[in-house]
Amino acid sequence: MKTILITGATSGFGEAIARVFAKNGWQLILTGRRQQRLDKLQTELGGSEKVHTCCFDITDRNAVKSAIDTLPAQFADIDVLINNAGLALGLEPADQTNLDDWEAMVDTNIKGVMYCTRTVLPIMKQKQRGYIINIGSVAGNWPYPGGNVYCGTKAFVRQFSLAIRADLLGSGIRVSNIEPGNAETEFSMIRFKDNQQRAQSVYQNTKALTAHDIADSVWWLVNTPEHVNVTTMEIMPTDQATGPLAIYREQD
């Protein structure tokens, strides 16, 4: 039986990915900061025999290592790692932003991915197979006003994915970076700190991606032949596209 470790599994993409893989008979290791949600998912998706939960803050390097190093033997042979945990905070211009928000994005979106990848890789390297899928963002490729550090962190995820792919050449370990566009999850509620009106405006009068769209894409990737590595997958809703370059013009 194969095992998948999913970070940030208590909502959004992570939860949807967990449900797809549970439905298809995989063992799950689910991480997150909300124990109650983890417990609920464990019960719904097969109980402790099929689902192991780890409640910790992914920005805590020691907690990440401890959780993975002490996995029960049944779950210790990790086949797939989904680095999903991440967040955006605020949409203010760079000169007005909250530095605490910037640091939180760096700690979660960059350091969390680093910690989990570095801890899981030796497991995969020993058996000469495995798959690491990072959840990036179109923001790593296409900047937008107010994106500043969030865009920077997702650009890191893109380059980190490519670089470890280079490091792992010949190891049998695959690495992919999925880059979703506008997707309706708890993402905007977190970004706007539970301001429901601002969060809903992001999806108003448009059809955004769903968490299940991304989960289905992850399932497809994992089931491609082992000699196939989709390096980068950018996914936008049909109602979203990249725009023209901006030019500032002084007013007459």
C-alpha atoms as a PDB file:
ATOM      1  CA  MET A   1       0.000   0.000   0.000  1.00  0.00           C
ATOM      2  CA  LYS A   2       1.361   3.415  -0.954  1.00  0.00           C
ATOM      3  CA  THR A   3       1.683   6.348   1.436  1.00  0.00           C
ATOM      4  CA  ILE A   4       1.274  10.072   0.787  1.00  0.00           C
ATOM      5  CA  LEU A   5       2.231  12.906   3.140  1.00  0.00           C
ATOM      6  CA  ILE A   6       0.171  16.075   2.672  1.00  0.00           C
ATOM      7  CA  THR A   7       1.007  19.300   4.493  1.00  0.00           C
ATOM      8  CA  GLY A   8      -1.733  21.832   5.163  1.00  0.00           C
ATOM      9  CA  ALA A   9      -4.337  19.089   4.889  1.00  0.00           C
ATOM     10  CA  THR A  10      -7.077  20.661   7.007  1.00  0.00           C
ATOM     11  CA  SER A  11      -8.655  22.725   4.204  1.00  0.00           C
ATOM     12  CA  GLY A  12      -8.503  23.727   0.552  1.00  0.00           C
ATOM     13  CA  PHE A  13      -6.177  21.888  -1.799  1.00  0.00           C
ATOM     14  CA  GLY A  14      -4.719  19.725   0.955  1.00  0.00           C
ATOM     15  CA  GLU A  15      -8.051  18.388   2.141  1.00  0.00           C
ATOM     16  CA  ALA A  16      -9.242  17.758  -1.420  1.00  0.00           C
ATOM     17  CA  ILE A  17      -6.030  15.874  -2.252  1.00  0.00           C
ATOM     18  CA  ALA A  18      -6.453  13.784   0.901  1.00  0.00           C
ATOM     19  CA  ARG A  19      -9.980  12.800  -0.098  1.00  0.00           C
ATOM     20  CA  VAL A  20      -8.982  11.778  -3.627  1.00  0.00           C
ATOM     21  CA  PHE A  21      -6.106   9.583  -2.444  1.00  0.00           C
ATOM     22  CA  ALA A  22      -8.129   8.045   0.395  1.00  0.00           C
ATOM     23  CA  LYS A  23     -10.848   7.143  -2.091  1.00  0.00           C
ATOM     24  CA  ASN A  24      -8.238   5.326  -4.142  1.00  0.00           C
ATOM     25  CA  GLY A  25      -6.901   3.247  -1.241  1.00  0.00           C
ATOM     26  CA  TRP A  26      -3.758   5.134  -0.237  1.00  0.00           C
ATOM     27  CA  GLN A  27      -2.462   5.553   3.291  1.00  0.00           C
ATOM     28  CA  LEU A  28      -2.407   9.175   4.385  1.00  0.00           C
ATOM     29  CA  ILE A  29      -0.155  11.247   6.619  1.00  0.00           C
ATOM     30  CA  LEU A  30      -1.974  14.532   7.163  1.00  0.00           C
ATOM     31  CA  THR A  31      -0.399  17.562   8.793  1.00  0.00           C
ATOM     32  CA  GLY A  32      -1.866  20.851   9.928  1.00  0.00           C
ATOM     33  CA  ARG A  33      -2.252  23.163  12.904  1.00  0.00           C
ATOM     34  CA  ARG A  34      -5.913  22.391  13.674  1.00  0.00           C
ATOM     35  CA  GLN A  35      -6.158  19.138  15.595  1.00  0.00           C
ATOM     36  CA  GLN A  36      -9.952  19.071  15.535  1.00  0.00           C
ATOM     37  CA  ARG A  37     -10.019  19.159  11.739  1.00  0.00           C
ATOM     38  CA  LEU A  38      -7.313  16.527  11.525  1.00  0.00           C
ATOM     39  CA  ASP A  39      -9.295  14.267  13.840  1.00  0.00           C
ATOM     40  CA  LYS A  40     -12.417  14.735  11.731  1.00  0.00           C
ATOM     41  CA  LEU A  41     -10.566  13.869   8.530  1.00  0.00           C
ATOM     42  CA  GLN A  42      -9.001  10.808  10.130  1.00  0.00           C
ATOM     43  CA  THR A  43     -12.435   9.527  11.130  1.00  0.00           C
ATOM     44  CA  GLU A  44     -13.974  10.247   7.723  1.00  0.00           C
ATOM     45  CA  LEU A  45     -11.152   8.815   5.637  1.00  0.00           C
ATOM     46  CA  GLY A  46     -10.582   5.440   7.271  1.00  0.00           C
ATOM     47  CA  GLY A  47      -9.521   5.832  10.884  1.00  0.00           C
ATOM     48  CA  SER A  48      -6.072   5.427  12.404  1.00  0.00           C
ATOM     49  CA  GLU A  49      -5.340   2.306  10.341  1.00  0.00           C
ATOM     50  CA  LYS A  50      -5.385   4.320   7.120  1.00  0.00           C
ATOM     51  CA  VAL A  51      -4.747   7.894   8.284  1.00  0.00           C
ATOM     52  CA  HIS A  52      -1.984   9.189  10.542  1.00  0.00           C
ATOM     53  CA  THR A  53      -2.217  12.820  11.653  1.00  0.00           C
ATOM     54  CA  CYS A  54       0.510  15.200  12.829  1.00  0.00           C
ATOM     55  CA  CYS A  55      -0.496  18.487  14.408  1.00  0.00           C
ATOM     56  CA  PHE A  56       2.352  21.008  14.284  1.00  0.00           C
ATOM     57  CA  ASP A  57       3.380  24.368  12.859  1.00  0.00           C
ATOM     58  CA  ILE A  58       5.265  23.806   9.631  1.00  0.00           C
ATOM     59  CA  THR A  59       7.455  26.814  10.366  1.00  0.00           C
ATOM     60  CA  ASP A  60       8.915  24.922  13.348  1.00  0.00           C
ATOM     61  CA  ARG A  61      11.925  23.065  11.969  1.00  0.00           C
ATOM     62  CA  ASN A  62      12.293  20.749  14.960  1.00  0.00           C
ATOM     63  CA  ALA A  63       8.587  19.896  14.983  1.00  0.00           C
ATOM     64  CA  VAL A  64       8.700  18.913  11.308  1.00  0.00           C
ATOM     65  CA  LYS A  65      11.696  16.644  11.823  1.00  0.00           C
ATOM     66  CA  SER A  66      10.293  15.084  14.972  1.00  0.00           C
ATOM     67  CA  ALA A  67       6.929  14.310  13.361  1.00  0.00           C
ATOM     68  CA  ILE A  68       8.482  12.620  10.333  1.00  0.00           C
ATOM     69  CA  ASP A  69      11.256  10.829  12.228  1.00  0.00           C
ATOM     70  CA  THR A  70       8.748   9.289  14.657  1.00  0.00           C
ATOM     71  CA  LEU A  71       6.153   8.077  12.163  1.00  0.00           C
ATOM     72  CA  PRO A  72       4.693   4.646  12.965  1.00  0.00           C
ATOM     73  CA  ALA A  73       6.407   1.927  10.925  1.00  0.00           C
ATOM     74  CA  GLN A  74       3.254   1.417   8.874  1.00  0.00           C
ATOM     75  CA  PHE A  75       3.444   5.004   7.582  1.00  0.00           C
ATOM     76  CA  ALA A  76       7.208   5.567   7.512  1.00  0.00           C
ATOM     77  CA  ASP A  77       7.784   4.549   3.874  1.00  0.00           C
ATOM     78  CA  ILE A  78       6.633   7.774   2.192  1.00  0.00           C
ATOM     79  CA  ASP A  79       5.987   7.487  -1.550  1.00  0.00           C
ATOM     80  CA  VAL A  80       4.657  10.984  -2.258  1.00  0.00           C
ATOM     81  CA  LEU A  81       5.171  14.305  -0.494  1.00  0.00           C
ATOM     82  CA  ILE A  82       2.748  17.139  -1.228  1.00  0.00           C
ATOM     83  CA  ASN A  83       4.191  20.445  -0.037  1.00  0.00           C
ATOM     84  CA  ASN A  84       0.850  22.197   0.074  1.00  0.00           C
ATOM     85  CA  ALA A  85       0.909  24.314   3.246  1.00  0.00           C
ATOM     86  CA  GLY A  86       1.156  27.994   2.345  1.00  0.00           C
ATOM     87  CA  LEU A  87      -0.597  31.313   2.653  1.00  0.00           C
ATOM     88  CA  ALA A  88      -0.856  34.908   1.499  1.00  0.00           C
ATOM     89  CA  LEU A  89      -1.355  37.765   3.950  1.00  0.00           C
ATOM     90  CA  GLY A  90      -2.483  41.237   2.942  1.00  0.00           C
ATOM     91  CA  LEU A  91      -2.564  43.032  -0.386  1.00  0.00           C
ATOM     92  CA  GLU A  92      -0.952  46.332   0.559  1.00  0.00           C
ATOM     93  CA  PRO A  93       1.821  47.951  -1.496  1.00  0.00           C
ATOM     94  CA  ALA A  94       5.350  47.203  -0.328  1.00  0.00           C
ATOM     95  CA  ASP A  95       5.808  50.497   1.522  1.00  0.00           C
ATOM     96  CA  GLN A  96       2.665  49.955   3.603  1.00  0.00           C
ATOM     97  CA  THR A  97       2.721  46.253   4.332  1.00  0.00           C
ATOM     98  CA  ASN A  98       2.977  44.628   7.737  1.00  0.00           C
ATOM     99  CA  LEU A  99       6.444  43.127   8.221  1.00  0.00           C
ATOM    100  CA  ASP A 100       4.977  40.394  10.402  1.00  0.00           C
ATOM    101  CA  ASP A 101       2.885  39.310   7.405  1.00  0.00           C
ATOM    102  CA  TRP A 102       5.949  39.247   5.192  1.00  0.00           C
ATOM    103  CA  GLU A 103       7.851  37.107   7.677  1.00  0.00           C
ATOM    104  CA  ALA A 104       4.915  34.721   8.108  1.00  0.00           C
ATOM    105  CA  MET A 105       4.764  34.162   4.334  1.00  0.00           C
ATOM    106  CA  VAL A 106       8.507  33.535   4.126  1.00  0.00           C
ATOM    107  CA  ASP A 107       8.420  31.152   7.096  1.00  0.00           C
ATOM    108  CA  THR A 108       5.474  29.144   5.764  1.00  0.00           C
ATOM    109  CA  ASN A 109       5.852  29.246   1.989  1.00  0.00           C
ATOM    110  CA  ILE A 110       9.629  28.935   1.863  1.00  0.00           C
ATOM    111  CA  LYS A 111      10.974  27.476   5.098  1.00  0.00           C
ATOM    112  CA  GLY A 112       8.111  25.011   5.526  1.00  0.00           C
ATOM    113  CA  VAL A 113       8.747  23.595   2.054  1.00  0.00           C
ATOM    114  CA  MET A 114      12.478  23.409   2.794  1.00  0.00           C
ATOM    115  CA  TYR A 115      12.025  21.618   6.115  1.00  0.00           C
ATOM    116  CA  CYS A 116       9.611  18.981   4.819  1.00  0.00           C
ATOM    117  CA  THR A 117      11.578  18.320   1.649  1.00  0.00           C
ATOM    118  CA  ARG A 118      14.909  17.972   3.438  1.00  0.00           C
ATOM    119  CA  THR A 119      13.420  15.603   6.022  1.00  0.00           C
ATOM    120  CA  VAL A 120      11.579  13.345   3.564  1.00  0.00           C
ATOM    121  CA  LEU A 121      14.210  13.169   0.816  1.00  0.00           C
ATOM    122  CA  PRO A 122      16.526  10.685   2.592  1.00  0.00           C
ATOM    123  CA  ILE A 123      13.592   8.255   2.862  1.00  0.00           C
ATOM    124  CA  MET A 124      12.992   8.458  -0.880  1.00  0.00           C
ATOM    125  CA  LYS A 125      16.692   8.469  -1.747  1.00  0.00           C
ATOM    126  CA  GLN A 126      17.247   5.223   0.138  1.00  0.00           C
ATOM    127  CA  LYS A 127      14.680   3.374  -1.953  1.00  0.00           C
ATOM    128  CA  GLN A 128      15.524   5.242  -5.200  1.00  0.00           C
ATOM    129  CA  ARG A 129      11.963   6.322  -5.920  1.00  0.00           C
ATOM    130  CA  GLY A 130       9.370   8.825  -4.791  1.00  0.00           C
ATOM    131  CA  TYR A 131       7.538  11.937  -5.878  1.00  0.00           C
ATOM    132  CA  ILE A 132       7.635  15.460  -4.483  1.00  0.00           C
ATOM    133  CA  ILE A 133       4.848  17.769  -5.636  1.00  0.00           C
ATOM    134  CA  ASN A 134       5.056  21.390  -4.583  1.00  0.00           C
ATOM    135  CA  ILE A 135       2.037  23.661  -4.709  1.00  0.00           C
ATOM    136  CA  GLY A 136       3.305  26.921  -6.134  1.00  0.00           C
ATOM    137  CA  SER A 137       1.248  29.630  -7.799  1.00  0.00           C
ATOM    138  CA  VAL A 138       0.957  31.610 -11.013  1.00  0.00           C
ATOM    139  CA  ALA A 139       2.093  34.440  -8.705  1.00  0.00           C
ATOM    140  CA  GLY A 140       5.569  32.950  -8.948  1.00  0.00           C
ATOM    141  CA  ASN A 141       5.573  33.835 -12.645  1.00  0.00           C
ATOM    142  CA  TRP A 142       3.252  36.815 -12.971  1.00  0.00           C
ATOM    143  CA  PRO A 143       3.540  39.702 -10.484  1.00  0.00           C
ATOM    144  CA  TYR A 144       0.581  41.837  -9.463  1.00  0.00           C
ATOM    145  CA  PRO A 145       0.116  44.939  -7.276  1.00  0.00           C
ATOM    146  CA  GLY A 146       0.209  43.947  -3.617  1.00  0.00           C
ATOM    147  CA  GLY A 147       1.707  40.544  -4.368  1.00  0.00           C
ATOM    148  CA  ASN A 148       5.251  41.591  -3.398  1.00  0.00           C
ATOM    149  CA  VAL A 149       6.537  38.970  -0.913  1.00  0.00           C
ATOM    150  CA  TYR A 150       3.854  36.385  -1.729  1.00  0.00           C
ATOM    151  CA  CYS A 151       4.947  36.471  -5.379  1.00  0.00           C
ATOM    152  CA  GLY A 152       8.557  36.208  -4.216  1.00  0.00           C
ATOM    153  CA  THR A 153       7.892  33.146  -2.089  1.00  0.00           C
ATOM    154  CA  LYS A 154       6.154  31.341  -4.937  1.00  0.00           C
ATOM    155  CA  ALA A 155       9.000  32.230  -7.294  1.00  0.00           C
ATOM    156  CA  PHE A 156      11.224  30.520  -4.738  1.00  0.00           C
ATOM    157  CA  VAL A 157       9.028  27.398  -4.845  1.00  0.00           C
ATOM    158  CA  ARG A 158       9.348  27.311  -8.635  1.00  0.00           C
ATOM    159  CA  GLN A 159      13.147  27.614  -8.626  1.00  0.00           C
ATOM    160  CA  PHE A 160      13.550  25.298  -5.639  1.00  0.00           C
ATOM    161  CA  SER A 161      11.537  22.648  -7.482  1.00  0.00           C
ATOM    162  CA  LEU A 162      13.727  22.969 -10.575  1.00  0.00           C
ATOM    163  CA  ALA A 163      16.946  22.946  -8.551  1.00  0.00           C
ATOM    164  CA  ILE A 164      16.168  19.861  -6.474  1.00  0.00           C
ATOM    165  CA  ARG A 165      15.037  18.175  -9.675  1.00  0.00           C
ATOM    166  CA  ALA A 166      18.569  18.800 -10.961  1.00  0.00           C
ATOM    167  CA  ASP A 167      20.067  17.485  -7.708  1.00  0.00           C
ATOM    168  CA  LEU A 168      17.999  14.304  -7.936  1.00  0.00           C
ATOM    169  CA  LEU A 169      18.738  13.433 -11.556  1.00  0.00           C
ATOM    170  CA  GLY A 170      19.327   9.690 -11.752  1.00  0.00           C
ATOM    171  CA  SER A 171      17.758   8.985  -8.355  1.00  0.00           C
ATOM    172  CA  GLY A 172      14.364   7.886  -9.651  1.00  0.00           C
ATOM    173  CA  ILE A 173      12.694  10.649  -7.610  1.00  0.00           C
ATOM    174  CA  ARG A 174      10.328  12.928  -9.491  1.00  0.00           C
ATOM    175  CA  VAL A 175       9.615  16.594  -8.706  1.00  0.00           C
ATOM    176  CA  SER A 176       6.747  18.717  -9.990  1.00  0.00           C
ATOM    177  CA  ASN A 177       5.557  22.239  -9.257  1.00  0.00           C
ATOM    178  CA  ILE A 178       1.835  22.900  -9.686  1.00  0.00           C
ATOM    179  CA  GLU A 179       0.996  26.586 -10.168  1.00  0.00           C
ATOM    180  CA  PRO A 180      -2.719  27.303  -9.660  1.00  0.00           C
ATOM    181  CA  GLY A 181      -4.346  30.562 -10.638  1.00  0.00           C
ATOM    182  CA  ASN A 182      -7.542  31.960  -9.125  1.00  0.00           C
ATOM    183  CA  ALA A 183      -8.988  29.199  -6.930  1.00  0.00           C
ATOM    184  CA  GLU A 184     -11.879  29.476  -4.495  1.00  0.00           C
ATOM    185  CA  THR A 185     -10.746  28.076  -1.142  1.00  0.00           C
ATOM    186  CA  GLU A 186     -10.055  29.580   2.292  1.00  0.00           C
ATOM    187  CA  PHE A 187      -7.057  31.315   0.709  1.00  0.00           C
ATOM    188  CA  SER A 188      -8.655  34.766   0.437  1.00  0.00           C
ATOM    189  CA  MET A 189     -10.264  34.567   3.873  1.00  0.00           C
ATOM    190  CA  ILE A 190      -6.794  34.046   5.325  1.00  0.00           C
ATOM    191  CA  ARG A 191      -5.249  36.733   3.123  1.00  0.00           C
ATOM    192  CA  PHE A 192      -7.822  39.291   4.227  1.00  0.00           C
ATOM    193  CA  LYS A 193      -7.910  38.078   7.834  1.00  0.00           C
ATOM    194  CA  ASP A 194     -11.534  36.843   7.851  1.00  0.00           C
ATOM    195  CA  ASN A 195     -12.946  39.875   6.009  1.00  0.00           C
ATOM    196  CA  GLN A 196     -15.638  37.935   4.196  1.00  0.00           C
ATOM    197  CA  GLN A 197     -16.662  40.783   1.899  1.00  0.00           C
ATOM    198  CA  ARG A 198     -13.127  41.289   0.572  1.00  0.00           C
ATOM    199  CA  ALA A 199     -12.586  37.549   0.256  1.00  0.00           C
ATOM    200  CA  GLN A 200     -15.790  36.996  -1.715  1.00  0.00           C
ATOM    201  CA  SER A 201     -14.992  39.855  -4.077  1.00  0.00           C
ATOM    202  CA  VAL A 202     -12.049  37.855  -5.442  1.00  0.00           C
ATOM    203  CA  TYR A 203     -14.453  35.280  -6.890  1.00  0.00           C
ATOM    204  CA  GLN A 204     -17.411  37.537  -7.689  1.00  0.00           C
ATOM    205  CA  ASN A 205     -18.927  37.137 -11.172  1.00  0.00           C
ATOM    206  CA  THR A 206     -16.304  34.633 -12.306  1.00  0.00           C
ATOM    207  CA  LYS A 207     -15.832  30.874 -12.249  1.00  0.00           C
ATOM    208  CA  ALA A 208     -12.675  30.109 -10.296  1.00  0.00           C
ATOM    209  CA  LEU A 209     -10.815  26.838  -9.955  1.00  0.00           C
ATOM    210  CA  THR A 210     -11.921  24.532  -7.148  1.00  0.00           C
ATOM    211  CA  ALA A 211      -9.779  22.571  -4.716  1.00  0.00           C
ATOM    212  CA  HIS A 212     -10.965  19.401  -6.466  1.00  0.00           C
ATOM    213  CA  ASP A 213      -9.557  20.635  -9.783  1.00  0.00           C
ATOM    214  CA  ILE A 214      -6.099  20.761  -8.225  1.00  0.00           C
ATOM    215  CA  ALA A 215      -6.567  17.442  -6.415  1.00  0.00           C
ATOM    216  CA  ASP A 216      -7.497  15.761  -9.702  1.00  0.00           C
ATOM    217  CA  SER A 217      -4.361  17.210 -11.290  1.00  0.00           C
ATOM    218  CA  VAL A 218      -2.208  15.827  -8.468  1.00  0.00           C
ATOM    219  CA  TRP A 219      -3.809  12.397  -8.870  1.00  0.00           C
ATOM    220  CA  TRP A 220      -3.087  12.483 -12.611  1.00  0.00           C
ATOM    221  CA  LEU A 221       0.547  13.440 -12.030  1.00  0.00           C
ATOM    222  CA  VAL A 222       1.143  10.662  -9.509  1.00  0.00           C
ATOM    223  CA  ASN A 223      -0.295   8.122 -11.936  1.00  0.00           C
ATOM    224  CA  THR A 224       1.836   9.058 -14.920  1.00  0.00           C
ATOM    225  CA  PRO A 225       4.511   6.473 -15.797  1.00  0.00           C
ATOM    226  CA  GLU A 226       7.587   6.629 -13.574  1.00  0.00           C
ATOM    227  CA  HIS A 227       9.807   7.656 -16.494  1.00  0.00           C
ATOM    228  CA  VAL A 228       7.649  10.788 -17.013  1.00  0.00           C
ATOM    229  CA  ASN A 229       8.319  13.962 -15.018  1.00  0.00           C
ATOM    230  CA  VAL A 230       6.005  16.920 -15.567  1.00  0.00           C
ATOM    231  CA  THR A 231       8.300  19.642 -14.305  1.00  0.00           C
ATOM    232  CA  THR A 232       5.827  22.530 -14.090  1.00  0.00           C
ATOM    233  CA  MET A 233       2.052  22.647 -14.444  1.00  0.00           C
ATOM    234  CA  GLU A 234       0.396  26.082 -14.564  1.00  0.00           C
ATOM    235  CA  ILE A 235      -3.373  25.837 -14.150  1.00  0.00           C
ATOM    236  CA  MET A 236      -5.724  28.798 -14.580  1.00  0.00           C
ATOM    237  CA  PRO A 237      -9.505  28.948 -14.775  1.00  0.00           C
ATOM    238  CA  THR A 238     -10.839  29.680 -18.245  1.00  0.00           C
ATOM    239  CA  ASP A 239     -11.933  33.094 -16.952  1.00  0.00           C
ATOM    240  CA  GLN A 240      -8.361  34.122 -16.080  1.00  0.00           C
ATOM    241  CA  ALA A 241      -5.449  35.060 -18.308  1.00  0.00           C
ATOM    242  CA  THR A 242      -2.199  36.977 -18.080  1.00  0.00           C
ATOM    243  CA  GLY A 243      -2.515  40.662 -18.905  1.00  0.00           C
ATOM    244  CA  PRO A 244      -0.418  43.287 -20.673  1.00  0.00           C
ATOM    245  CA  LEU A 245       2.615  44.903 -19.095  1.00  0.00           C
ATOM    246  CA  ALA A 246       1.754  48.024 -17.109  1.00  0.00           C
ATOM    247  CA  ILE A 247       3.036  51.462 -18.126  1.00  0.00           C
ATOM    248  CA  TYR A 248       2.814  54.487 -15.845  1.00  0.00           C
ATOM    249  CA  ARG A 249       2.033  57.743 -17.635  1.00  0.00           C
ATOM    250  CA  GLU A 250       2.001  61.142 -16.025  1.00  0.00           C
ATOM    251  CA  GLN A 251      -1.280  62.964 -16.255  1.00  0.00           C
ATOM    252  CA  ASP A 252      -1.380  66.191 -18.300  1.00  0.00           C
END
